[in-house]
């Protein structure tokens, strides 16, 4: 399998920005930074009871090559219609990201 064929999942990276509302209050909105092809690998899943409610966690590892800008702690990834929080990342020629939903 060629290296490029591993990057077969479409993801969108978004950054949180604060905007001022009509009444002067601040609200957080998510702005798309870029969309790219990535390798998304499930790392683990868990289910637990929290305050009487069942909570599911999904952990993924993401690897991406092309990007317009580098990601930071204020970013999240949209994958498969779900938003994922970044747990950690390294940036070299390839960006490696750990994320959770």
PDB file of N, CA and C in Angstrom:
ATOM      1  N   UNK A   1       0.854  -1.174   0.000  1.00  0.00           N
ATOM      2  CA  UNK A   1       0.000   0.000   0.000  1.00  0.00           C
ATOM      3  C   UNK A   1       0.899   1.237   0.000  1.00  0.00           C
ATOM      4  N   UNK A   2       0.579   2.157  -0.860  1.00  0.00           N
ATOM      5  CA  UNK A   2       1.388   3.369  -0.932  1.00  0.00           C
ATOM      6  C   UNK A   2       1.107   4.263   0.271  1.00  0.00           C
ATOM      7  N   UNK A   3       2.042   5.107   0.584  1.00  0.00           N
ATOM      8  CA  UNK A   3       1.925   5.985   1.742  1.00  0.00           C
ATOM      9  C   UNK A   3       0.718   6.910   1.644  1.00  0.00           C
ATOM     10  N   UNK A   4       0.447   7.445   0.473  1.00  0.00           N
ATOM     11  CA  UNK A   4      -0.650   8.403   0.309  1.00  0.00           C
ATOM     12  C   UNK A   4      -2.016   7.749   0.474  1.00  0.00           C
ATOM     13  N   UNK A   5      -2.140   6.457   0.181  1.00  0.00           N
ATOM     14  CA  UNK A   5      -3.448   5.815   0.298  1.00  0.00           C
ATOM     15  C   UNK A   5      -3.885   5.652   1.749  1.00  0.00           C
ATOM     16  N   UNK A   6      -2.963   5.845   2.706  1.00  0.00           N
ATOM     17  CA  UNK A   6      -3.340   5.801   4.128  1.00  0.00           C
ATOM     18  C   UNK A   6      -4.148   7.023   4.521  1.00  0.00           C
ATOM     19  N   UNK A   7      -3.990   8.123   3.809  1.00  0.00           N
ATOM     20  CA  UNK A   7      -4.685   9.372   4.129  1.00  0.00           C
ATOM     21  C   UNK A   7      -6.020   9.382   3.388  1.00  0.00           C
ATOM     22  N   UNK A   8      -6.991   8.633   3.934  1.00  0.00           N
ATOM     23  CA  UNK A   8      -8.247   8.420   3.222  1.00  0.00           C
ATOM     24  C   UNK A   8      -9.476   8.927   3.977  1.00  0.00           C
ATOM     25  N   UNK A   9      -9.288   9.690   5.040  1.00  0.00           N
ATOM     26  CA  UNK A   9     -10.400  10.261   5.803  1.00  0.00           C
ATOM     27  C   UNK A   9     -10.355  11.774   5.693  1.00  0.00           C
ATOM     28  N   UNK A  10     -11.525  12.383   5.531  1.00  0.00           N
ATOM     29  CA  UNK A  10     -11.631  13.834   5.389  1.00  0.00           C
ATOM     30  C   UNK A  10     -11.905  14.437   6.763  1.00  0.00           C
ATOM     31  N   UNK A  11     -11.074  15.385   7.192  1.00  0.00           N
ATOM     32  CA  UNK A  11     -11.272  16.064   8.476  1.00  0.00           C
ATOM     33  C   UNK A  11     -11.272  17.572   8.254  1.00  0.00           C
ATOM     34  N   UNK A  12     -11.890  18.285   9.165  1.00  0.00           N
ATOM     35  CA  UNK A  12     -11.871  19.750   9.165  1.00  0.00           C
ATOM     36  C   UNK A  12     -11.316  20.205  10.506  1.00  0.00           C
ATOM     37  N   UNK A  13     -10.370  21.106  10.468  1.00  0.00           N
ATOM     38  CA  UNK A  13      -9.794  21.681  11.693  1.00  0.00           C
ATOM     39  C   UNK A  13     -10.439  23.043  11.904  1.00  0.00           C
ATOM     40  N   UNK A  14     -10.937  23.254  13.113  1.00  0.00           N
ATOM     41  CA  UNK A  14     -11.582  24.514  13.463  1.00  0.00           C
ATOM     42  C   UNK A  14     -10.865  25.149  14.648  1.00  0.00           C
ATOM     43  N   UNK A  15     -10.930  26.477  14.733  1.00  0.00           N
ATOM     44  CA  UNK A  15     -10.342  27.223  15.849  1.00  0.00           C
ATOM     45  C   UNK A  15     -11.443  28.027  16.542  1.00  0.00           C
ATOM     46  N   UNK A  16     -11.379  28.072  17.856  1.00  0.00           N
ATOM     47  CA  UNK A  16     -12.326  28.841  18.648  1.00  0.00           C
ATOM     48  C   UNK A  16     -11.954  30.315  18.604  1.00  0.00           C
ATOM     49  N   UNK A  17     -12.938  31.148  18.323  1.00  0.00           N
ATOM     50  CA  UNK A  17     -12.732  32.591  18.344  1.00  0.00           C
ATOM     51  C   UNK A  17     -13.848  33.236  19.153  1.00  0.00           C
ATOM     52  N   UNK A  18     -13.519  34.311  19.836  1.00  0.00           N
ATOM     53  CA  UNK A  18     -14.523  35.036  20.601  1.00  0.00           C
ATOM     54  C   UNK A  18     -15.060  36.186  19.767  1.00  0.00           C
ATOM     55  N   UNK A  19     -16.379  36.293  19.746  1.00  0.00           N
ATOM     56  CA  UNK A  19     -17.021  37.392  19.028  1.00  0.00           C
ATOM     57  C   UNK A  19     -17.912  38.153  19.999  1.00  0.00           C
ATOM     58  N   UNK A  20     -18.057  39.431  19.734  1.00  0.00           N
ATOM     59  CA  UNK A  20     -18.901  40.283  20.555  1.00  0.00           C
ATOM     60  C   UNK A  20     -20.318  40.270  19.995  1.00  0.00           C
ATOM     61  N   UNK A  21     -21.277  40.023  20.881  1.00  0.00           N
ATOM     62  CA  UNK A  21     -22.677  40.025  20.484  1.00  0.00           C
ATOM     63  C   UNK A  21     -23.246  41.426  20.431  1.00  0.00           C
ATOM     64  N   UNK A  22     -24.513  41.519  20.044  1.00  0.00           N
ATOM     65  CA  UNK A  22     -25.178  42.815  19.933  1.00  0.00           C
ATOM     66  C   UNK A  22     -25.265  43.541  21.273  1.00  0.00           C
ATOM     67  N   UNK A  23     -25.348  42.781  22.355  1.00  0.00           N
ATOM     68  CA  UNK A  23     -25.457  43.400  23.677  1.00  0.00           C
ATOM     69  C   UNK A  23     -24.099  43.613  24.330  1.00  0.00           C
ATOM     70  N   UNK A  24     -23.018  43.253  23.628  1.00  0.00           N
ATOM     71  CA  UNK A  24     -21.673  43.470  24.152  1.00  0.00           C
ATOM     72  C   UNK A  24     -21.054  42.258  24.819  1.00  0.00           C
ATOM     73  N   UNK A  25     -21.830  41.189  25.008  1.00  0.00           N
ATOM     74  CA  UNK A  25     -21.293  39.976  25.623  1.00  0.00           C
ATOM     75  C   UNK A  25     -20.440  39.185  24.643  1.00  0.00           C
ATOM     76  N   UNK A  26     -19.535  38.395  25.184  1.00  0.00           N
ATOM     77  CA  UNK A  26     -18.664  37.584  24.347  1.00  0.00           C
ATOM     78  C   UNK A  26     -19.238  36.172  24.200  1.00  0.00           C
ATOM     79  N   UNK A  27     -19.091  35.628  23.021  1.00  0.00           N
ATOM     80  CA  UNK A  27     -19.487  34.240  22.790  1.00  0.00           C
ATOM     81  C   UNK A  27     -18.420  33.557  21.937  1.00  0.00           C
ATOM     82  N   UNK A  28     -18.241  32.272  22.169  1.00  0.00           N
ATOM     83  CA  UNK A  28     -17.271  31.497  21.399  1.00  0.00           C
ATOM     84  C   UNK A  28     -17.932  30.935  20.153  1.00  0.00           C
ATOM     85  N   UNK A  29     -17.266  31.090  19.035  1.00  0.00           N
ATOM     86  CA  UNK A  29     -17.719  30.487  17.788  1.00  0.00           C
ATOM     87  C   UNK A  29     -16.556  29.707  17.194  1.00  0.00           C
ATOM     88  N   UNK A  30     -16.874  28.721  16.382  1.00  0.00           N
ATOM     89  CA  UNK A  30     -15.852  27.890  15.742  1.00  0.00           C
ATOM     90  C   UNK A  30     -15.747  28.283  14.276  1.00  0.00           C
ATOM     91  N   UNK A  31     -14.523  28.538  13.837  1.00  0.00           N
ATOM     92  CA  UNK A  31     -14.239  28.943  12.466  1.00  0.00           C
ATOM     93  C   UNK A  31     -13.384  27.871  11.799  1.00  0.00           C
ATOM     94  N   UNK A  32     -13.763  27.474  10.585  1.00  0.00           N
ATOM     95  CA  UNK A  32     -12.969  26.485   9.851  1.00  0.00           C
ATOM     96  C   UNK A  32     -11.619  27.069   9.478  1.00  0.00           C
ATOM     97  N   UNK A  33     -10.540  26.341   9.817  1.00  0.00           N
ATOM     98  CA  UNK A  33      -9.191  26.736   9.398  1.00  0.00           C
ATOM     99  C   UNK A  33      -8.850  26.095   8.059  1.00  0.00           C
ATOM    100  N   UNK A  34      -9.052  24.785   7.984  1.00  0.00           N
ATOM    101  CA  UNK A  34      -8.779  24.069   6.740  1.00  0.00           C
ATOM    102  C   UNK A  34      -9.393  22.677   6.800  1.00  0.00           C
ATOM    103  N   UNK A  35      -9.553  22.089   5.639  1.00  0.00           N
ATOM    104  CA  UNK A  35     -10.022  20.717   5.484  1.00  0.00           C
ATOM    105  C   UNK A  35      -8.947  19.964   4.723  1.00  0.00           C
ATOM    106  N   UNK A  36      -8.659  18.743   5.166  1.00  0.00           N
ATOM    107  CA  UNK A  36      -7.607  17.976   4.503  1.00  0.00           C
ATOM    108  C   UNK A  36      -7.870  16.482   4.638  1.00  0.00           C
ATOM    109  N   UNK A  37      -7.088  15.701   3.911  1.00  0.00           N
ATOM    110  CA  UNK A  37      -7.128  14.251   4.012  1.00  0.00           C
ATOM    111  C   UNK A  37      -6.203  13.833   5.139  1.00  0.00           C
ATOM    112  N   UNK A  38      -6.615  12.834   5.922  1.00  0.00           N
ATOM    113  CA  UNK A  38      -5.829  12.406   7.068  1.00  0.00           C
ATOM    114  C   UNK A  38      -5.960  10.901   7.268  1.00  0.00           C
ATOM    115  N   UNK A  39      -5.033  10.370   8.016  1.00  0.00           N
ATOM    116  CA  UNK A  39      -5.106   8.991   8.479  1.00  0.00           C
ATOM    117  C   UNK A  39      -5.685   9.044   9.883  1.00  0.00           C
ATOM    118  N   UNK A  40      -6.843   8.418  10.107  1.00  0.00           N
ATOM    119  CA  UNK A  40      -7.512   8.428  11.403  1.00  0.00           C
ATOM    120  C   UNK A  40      -7.562   6.993  11.915  1.00  0.00           C
ATOM    121  N   UNK A  41      -6.946   6.758  13.071  1.00  0.00           N
ATOM    122  CA  UNK A  41      -6.865   5.415  13.637  1.00  0.00           C
ATOM    123  C   UNK A  41      -7.526   5.399  15.006  1.00  0.00           C
ATOM    124  N   UNK A  42      -8.519   4.511  15.217  1.00  0.00           N
ATOM    125  CA  UNK A  42      -9.101   4.397  16.558  1.00  0.00           C
ATOM    126  C   UNK A  42      -8.046   3.891  17.536  1.00  0.00           C
ATOM    127  N   UNK A  43      -7.903   4.564  18.674  1.00  0.00           N
ATOM    128  CA  UNK A  43      -6.929   4.145  19.684  1.00  0.00           C
ATOM    129  C   UNK A  43      -7.614   3.343  20.792  1.00  0.00           C
ATOM    130  N   UNK A  44      -8.749   3.850  21.293  1.00  0.00           N
ATOM    131  CA  UNK A  44      -9.499   3.120  22.318  1.00  0.00           C
ATOM    132  C   UNK A  44     -10.879   3.729  22.477  1.00  0.00           C
ATOM    133  N   UNK A  45     -11.737   2.975  23.111  1.00  0.00           N
ATOM    134  CA  UNK A  45     -13.089   3.444  23.449  1.00  0.00           C
ATOM    135  C   UNK A  45     -13.385   3.016  24.865  1.00  0.00           C
ATOM    136  N   UNK A  46     -14.171   3.826  25.558  1.00  0.00           N
ATOM    137  CA  UNK A  46     -14.549   3.470  26.921  1.00  0.00           C
ATOM    138  C   UNK A  46     -15.965   3.944  27.204  1.00  0.00           C
ATOM    139  N   UNK A  47     -16.560   3.317  28.207  1.00  0.00           N
ATOM    140  CA  UNK A  47     -17.906   3.672  28.635  1.00  0.00           C
ATOM    141  C   UNK A  47     -17.886   3.681  30.162  1.00  0.00           C
ATOM    142  N   UNK A  48     -18.445   4.742  30.759  1.00  0.00           N
ATOM    143  CA  UNK A  48     -18.479   4.812  32.216  1.00  0.00           C
ATOM    144  C   UNK A  48     -19.728   5.540  32.680  1.00  0.00           C
ATOM    145  N   UNK A  49     -20.038   5.369  33.933  1.00  0.00           N
ATOM    146  CA  UNK A  49     -21.180   6.022  34.545  1.00  0.00           C
ATOM    147  C   UNK A  49     -20.693   7.273  35.264  1.00  0.00           C
ATOM    148  N   UNK A  50     -21.247   8.428  34.901  1.00  0.00           N
ATOM    149  CA  UNK A  50     -20.846   9.694  35.486  1.00  0.00           C
ATOM    150  C   UNK A  50     -22.101  10.462  35.882  1.00  0.00           C
ATOM    151  N   UNK A  51     -22.267  10.674  37.174  1.00  0.00           N
ATOM    152  CA  UNK A  51     -23.447  11.375  37.701  1.00  0.00           C
ATOM    153  C   UNK A  51     -24.746  10.767  37.187  1.00  0.00           C
ATOM    154  N   UNK A  52     -24.808   9.449  37.195  1.00  0.00           N
ATOM    155  CA  UNK A  52     -26.020   8.753  36.791  1.00  0.00           C
ATOM    156  C   UNK A  52     -26.255   8.696  35.292  1.00  0.00           C
ATOM    157  N   UNK A  53     -25.299   9.104  34.515  1.00  0.00           N
ATOM    158  CA  UNK A  53     -25.428   9.116  33.053  1.00  0.00           C
ATOM    159  C   UNK A  53     -24.273   8.318  32.438  1.00  0.00           C
ATOM    160  N   UNK A  54     -24.571   7.520  31.431  1.00  0.00           N
ATOM    161  CA  UNK A  54     -23.540   6.753  30.752  1.00  0.00           C
ATOM    162  C   UNK A  54     -22.795   7.673  29.787  1.00  0.00           C
ATOM    163  N   UNK A  55     -21.471   7.712  29.916  1.00  0.00           N
ATOM    164  CA  UNK A  55     -20.629   8.582  29.095  1.00  0.00           C
ATOM    165  C   UNK A  55     -19.717   7.701  28.250  1.00  0.00           C
ATOM    166  N   UNK A  56     -19.709   7.955  26.941  1.00  0.00           N
ATOM    167  CA  UNK A  56     -18.851   7.224  26.020  1.00  0.00           C
ATOM    168  C   UNK A  56     -17.682   8.116  25.617  1.00  0.00           C
ATOM    169  N   UNK A  57     -16.483   7.563  25.628  1.00  0.00           N
ATOM    170  CA  UNK A  57     -15.297   8.279  25.161  1.00  0.00           C
ATOM    171  C   UNK A  57     -14.687   7.511  23.999  1.00  0.00           C
ATOM    172  N   UNK A  58     -14.314   8.219  22.965  1.00  0.00           N
ATOM    173  CA  UNK A  58     -13.630   7.634  21.817  1.00  0.00           C
ATOM    174  C   UNK A  58     -12.307   8.367  21.647  1.00  0.00           C
ATOM    175  N   UNK A  59     -11.218   7.614  21.618  1.00  0.00           N
ATOM    176  CA  UNK A  59      -9.894   8.204  21.421  1.00  0.00           C
ATOM    177  C   UNK A  59      -9.383   7.811  20.041  1.00  0.00           C
ATOM    178  N   UNK A  60      -8.853   8.781  19.311  1.00  0.00           N
ATOM    179  CA  UNK A  60      -8.321   8.545  17.966  1.00  0.00           C
ATOM    180  C   UNK A  60      -6.929   9.151  17.849  1.00  0.00           C
ATOM    181  N   UNK A  61      -6.148   8.571  16.961  1.00  0.00           N
ATOM    182  CA  UNK A  61      -4.878   9.163  16.555  1.00  0.00           C
ATOM    183  C   UNK A  61      -5.049   9.630  15.122  1.00  0.00           C
ATOM    184  N   UNK A  62      -4.621  10.859  14.846  1.00  0.00           N
ATOM    185  CA  UNK A  62      -4.785  11.466  13.527  1.00  0.00           C
ATOM    186  C   UNK A  62      -3.413  11.866  12.998  1.00  0.00           C
ATOM    187  N   UNK A  63      -3.186  11.574  11.728  1.00  0.00           N
ATOM    188  CA  UNK A  63      -1.946  11.985  11.062  1.00  0.00           C
ATOM    189  C   UNK A  63      -2.339  12.713   9.787  1.00  0.00           C
ATOM    190  N   UNK A  64      -1.803  13.926   9.605  1.00  0.00           N
ATOM    191  CA  UNK A  64      -2.122  14.695   8.404  1.00  0.00           C
ATOM    192  C   UNK A  64      -0.850  15.293   7.821  1.00  0.00           C
ATOM    193  N   UNK A  65      -0.845  15.453   6.517  1.00  0.00           N
ATOM    194  CA  UNK A  65       0.314  16.023   5.831  1.00  0.00           C
ATOM    195  C   UNK A  65       0.093  17.476   5.477  1.00  0.00           C
ATOM    196  N   UNK A  66      -0.868  17.714   4.609  1.00  0.00           N
ATOM    197  CA  UNK A  66      -1.061  19.071   4.100  1.00  0.00           C
ATOM    198  C   UNK A  66      -1.912  19.889   5.054  1.00  0.00           C
ATOM    199  N   UNK A  67      -1.520  21.140   5.238  1.00  0.00           N
ATOM    200  CA  UNK A  67      -2.287  22.041   6.078  1.00  0.00           C
ATOM    201  C   UNK A  67      -1.920  23.480   5.717  1.00  0.00           C
ATOM    202  N   UNK A  68      -2.849  24.356   5.918  1.00  0.00           N
ATOM    203  CA  UNK A  68      -2.633  25.763   5.612  1.00  0.00           C
ATOM    204  C   UNK A  68      -1.889  26.439   6.751  1.00  0.00           C
ATOM    205  N   UNK A  69      -2.250  26.078   7.968  1.00  0.00           N
ATOM    206  CA  UNK A  69      -1.646  26.658   9.173  1.00  0.00           C
ATOM    207  C   UNK A  69      -1.491  25.556  10.201  1.00  0.00           C
ATOM    208  N   UNK A  70      -0.649  25.763  11.179  1.00  0.00           N
ATOM    209  CA  UNK A  70      -0.476  24.780  12.230  1.00  0.00           C
ATOM    210  C   UNK A  70      -1.597  24.862  13.244  1.00  0.00           C
ATOM    211  N   UNK A  71      -1.909  23.741  13.849  1.00  0.00           N
ATOM    212  CA  UNK A  71      -2.954  23.694  14.862  1.00  0.00           C
ATOM    213  C   UNK A  71      -2.373  24.089  16.214  1.00  0.00           C
ATOM    214  N   UNK A  72      -3.270  24.442  17.147  1.00  0.00           N
ATOM    215  CA  UNK A  72      -2.852  24.753  18.512  1.00  0.00           C
ATOM    216  C   UNK A  72      -3.933  24.268  19.471  1.00  0.00           C
ATOM    217  N   UNK A  73      -3.786  24.593  20.747  1.00  0.00           N
ATOM    218  CA  UNK A  73      -4.704  24.094  21.776  1.00  0.00           C
ATOM    219  C   UNK A  73      -6.117  24.654  21.645  1.00  0.00           C
ATOM    220  N   UNK A  74      -6.310  25.727  20.877  1.00  0.00           N
ATOM    221  CA  UNK A  74      -7.638  26.314  20.685  1.00  0.00           C
ATOM    222  C   UNK A  74      -8.390  25.678  19.520  1.00  0.00           C
ATOM    223  N   UNK A  75      -7.872  24.590  18.976  1.00  0.00           N
ATOM    224  CA  UNK A  75      -8.483  23.951  17.811  1.00  0.00           C
ATOM    225  C   UNK A  75      -9.255  22.696  18.204  1.00  0.00           C
ATOM    226  N   UNK A  76     -10.121  22.271  17.306  1.00  0.00           N
ATOM    227  CA  UNK A  76     -10.794  20.987  17.413  1.00  0.00           C
ATOM    228  C   UNK A  76     -10.875  20.394  16.017  1.00  0.00           C
ATOM    229  N   UNK A  77     -11.181  19.112  15.936  1.00  0.00           N
ATOM    230  CA  UNK A  77     -11.277  18.427  14.649  1.00  0.00           C
ATOM    231  C   UNK A  77     -12.693  17.906  14.461  1.00  0.00           C
ATOM    232  N   UNK A  78     -13.235  18.156  13.281  1.00  0.00           N
ATOM    233  CA  UNK A  78     -14.527  17.602  12.898  1.00  0.00           C
ATOM    234  C   UNK A  78     -14.246  16.381  12.029  1.00  0.00           C
ATOM    235  N   UNK A  79     -14.735  15.235  12.469  1.00  0.00           N
ATOM    236  CA  UNK A  79     -14.532  13.978  11.738  1.00  0.00           C
ATOM    237  C   UNK A  79     -15.800  13.146  11.848  1.00  0.00           C
ATOM    238  N   UNK A  80     -16.307  12.713  10.726  1.00  0.00           N
ATOM    239  CA  UNK A  80     -17.513  11.891  10.720  1.00  0.00           C
ATOM    240  C   UNK A  80     -18.722  12.588  11.303  1.00  0.00           C
ATOM    241  N   UNK A  81     -18.776  13.914  11.182  1.00  0.00           N
ATOM    242  CA  UNK A  81     -19.911  14.670  11.700  1.00  0.00           C
ATOM    243  C   UNK A  81     -19.844  14.966  13.188  1.00  0.00           C
ATOM    244  N   UNK A  82     -18.773  14.552  13.861  1.00  0.00           N
ATOM    245  CA  UNK A  82     -18.604  14.786  15.293  1.00  0.00           C
ATOM    246  C   UNK A  82     -17.421  15.704  15.553  1.00  0.00           C
ATOM    247  N   UNK A  83     -17.511  16.472  16.642  1.00  0.00           N
ATOM    248  CA  UNK A  83     -16.423  17.364  17.040  1.00  0.00           C
ATOM    249  C   UNK A  83     -15.566  16.658  18.089  1.00  0.00           C
ATOM    250  N   UNK A  84     -14.245  16.729  17.909  1.00  0.00           N
ATOM    251  CA  UNK A  84     -13.307  16.072  18.806  1.00  0.00           C
ATOM    252  C   UNK A  84     -12.350  17.090  19.416  1.00  0.00           C
ATOM    253  N   UNK A  85     -12.136  16.961  20.719  1.00  0.00           N
ATOM    254  CA  UNK A  85     -11.205  17.806  21.456  1.00  0.00           C
ATOM    255  C   UNK A  85      -9.788  17.269  21.259  1.00  0.00           C
ATOM    256  N   UNK A  86      -8.828  18.156  21.107  1.00  0.00           N
ATOM    257  CA  UNK A  86      -7.437  17.748  20.965  1.00  0.00           C
ATOM    258  C   UNK A  86      -6.840  17.487  22.349  1.00  0.00           C
ATOM    259  N   UNK A  87      -6.196  16.337  22.503  1.00  0.00           N
ATOM    260  CA  UNK A  87      -5.542  16.006  23.764  1.00  0.00           C
ATOM    261  C   UNK A  87      -4.063  16.344  23.730  1.00  0.00           C
ATOM    262  N   UNK A  88      -3.464  16.249  22.561  1.00  0.00           N
ATOM    263  CA  UNK A  88      -2.058  16.552  22.406  1.00  0.00           C
ATOM    264  C   UNK A  88      -1.685  16.439  20.948  1.00  0.00           C
ATOM    265  N   UNK A  89      -0.590  17.081  20.560  1.00  0.00           N
ATOM    266  CA  UNK A  89      -0.181  17.029  19.166  1.00  0.00           C
ATOM    267  C   UNK A  89       1.294  17.341  19.039  1.00  0.00           C
ATOM    268  N   UNK A  90       1.891  16.832  17.976  1.00  0.00           N
ATOM    269  CA  UNK A  90       3.263  17.171  17.607  1.00  0.00           C
ATOM    270  C   UNK A  90       3.249  17.639  16.164  1.00  0.00           C
ATOM    271  N   UNK A  91       4.057  18.632  15.870  1.00  0.00           N
ATOM    272  CA  UNK A  91       4.081  19.208  14.532  1.00  0.00           C
ATOM    273  C   UNK A  91       5.490  19.100  13.967  1.00  0.00           C
ATOM    274  N   UNK A  92       5.624  18.336  12.910  1.00  0.00           N
ATOM    275  CA  UNK A  92       6.856  18.229  12.121  1.00  0.00           C
ATOM    276  C   UNK A  92       6.411  18.334  10.670  1.00  0.00           C
ATOM    277  N   UNK A  93       7.024  17.547   9.788  1.00  0.00           N
ATOM    278  CA  UNK A  93       6.516  17.461   8.424  1.00  0.00           C
ATOM    279  C   UNK A  93       5.128  16.816   8.433  1.00  0.00           C
ATOM    280  N   UNK A  94       4.922  15.913   9.374  1.00  0.00           N
ATOM    281  CA  UNK A  94       3.630  15.257   9.570  1.00  0.00           C
ATOM    282  C   UNK A  94       3.089  15.724  10.924  1.00  0.00           C
ATOM    283  N   UNK A  95       1.804  16.043  10.983  1.00  0.00           N
ATOM    284  CA  UNK A  95       1.174  16.441  12.238  1.00  0.00           C
ATOM    285  C   UNK A  95       0.507  15.213  12.844  1.00  0.00           C
ATOM    286  N   UNK A  96       0.839  14.882  14.081  1.00  0.00           N
ATOM    287  CA  UNK A  96       0.215  13.788  14.808  1.00  0.00           C
ATOM    288  C   UNK A  96      -0.637  14.373  15.912  1.00  0.00           C
ATOM    289  N   UNK A  97      -1.901  13.924  16.006  1.00  0.00           N
ATOM    290  CA  UNK A  97      -2.856  14.468  16.947  1.00  0.00           C
ATOM    291  C   UNK A  97      -3.523  13.326  17.703  1.00  0.00           C
ATOM    292  N   UNK A  98      -3.718  13.479  19.009  1.00  0.00           N
ATOM    293  CA  UNK A  98      -4.556  12.603  19.784  1.00  0.00           C
ATOM    294  C   UNK A  98      -5.824  13.382  20.109  1.00  0.00           C
ATOM    295  N   UNK A  99      -6.985  12.753  19.901  1.00  0.00           N
ATOM    296  CA  UNK A  99      -8.238  13.478  20.122  1.00  0.00           C
ATOM    297  C   UNK A  99      -9.253  12.593  20.812  1.00  0.00           C
ATOM    298  N   UNK A 100     -10.237  13.214  21.466  1.00  0.00           N
ATOM    299  CA  UNK A 100     -11.281  12.523  22.196  1.00  0.00           C
ATOM    300  C   UNK A 100     -12.618  13.195  21.917  1.00  0.00           C
ATOM    301  N   UNK A 101     -13.666  12.383  21.977  1.00  0.00           N
ATOM    302  CA  UNK A 101     -15.018  12.928  21.869  1.00  0.00           C
ATOM    303  C   UNK A 101     -15.755  12.554  23.118  1.00  0.00           C
TER     304      UNK A 101
END
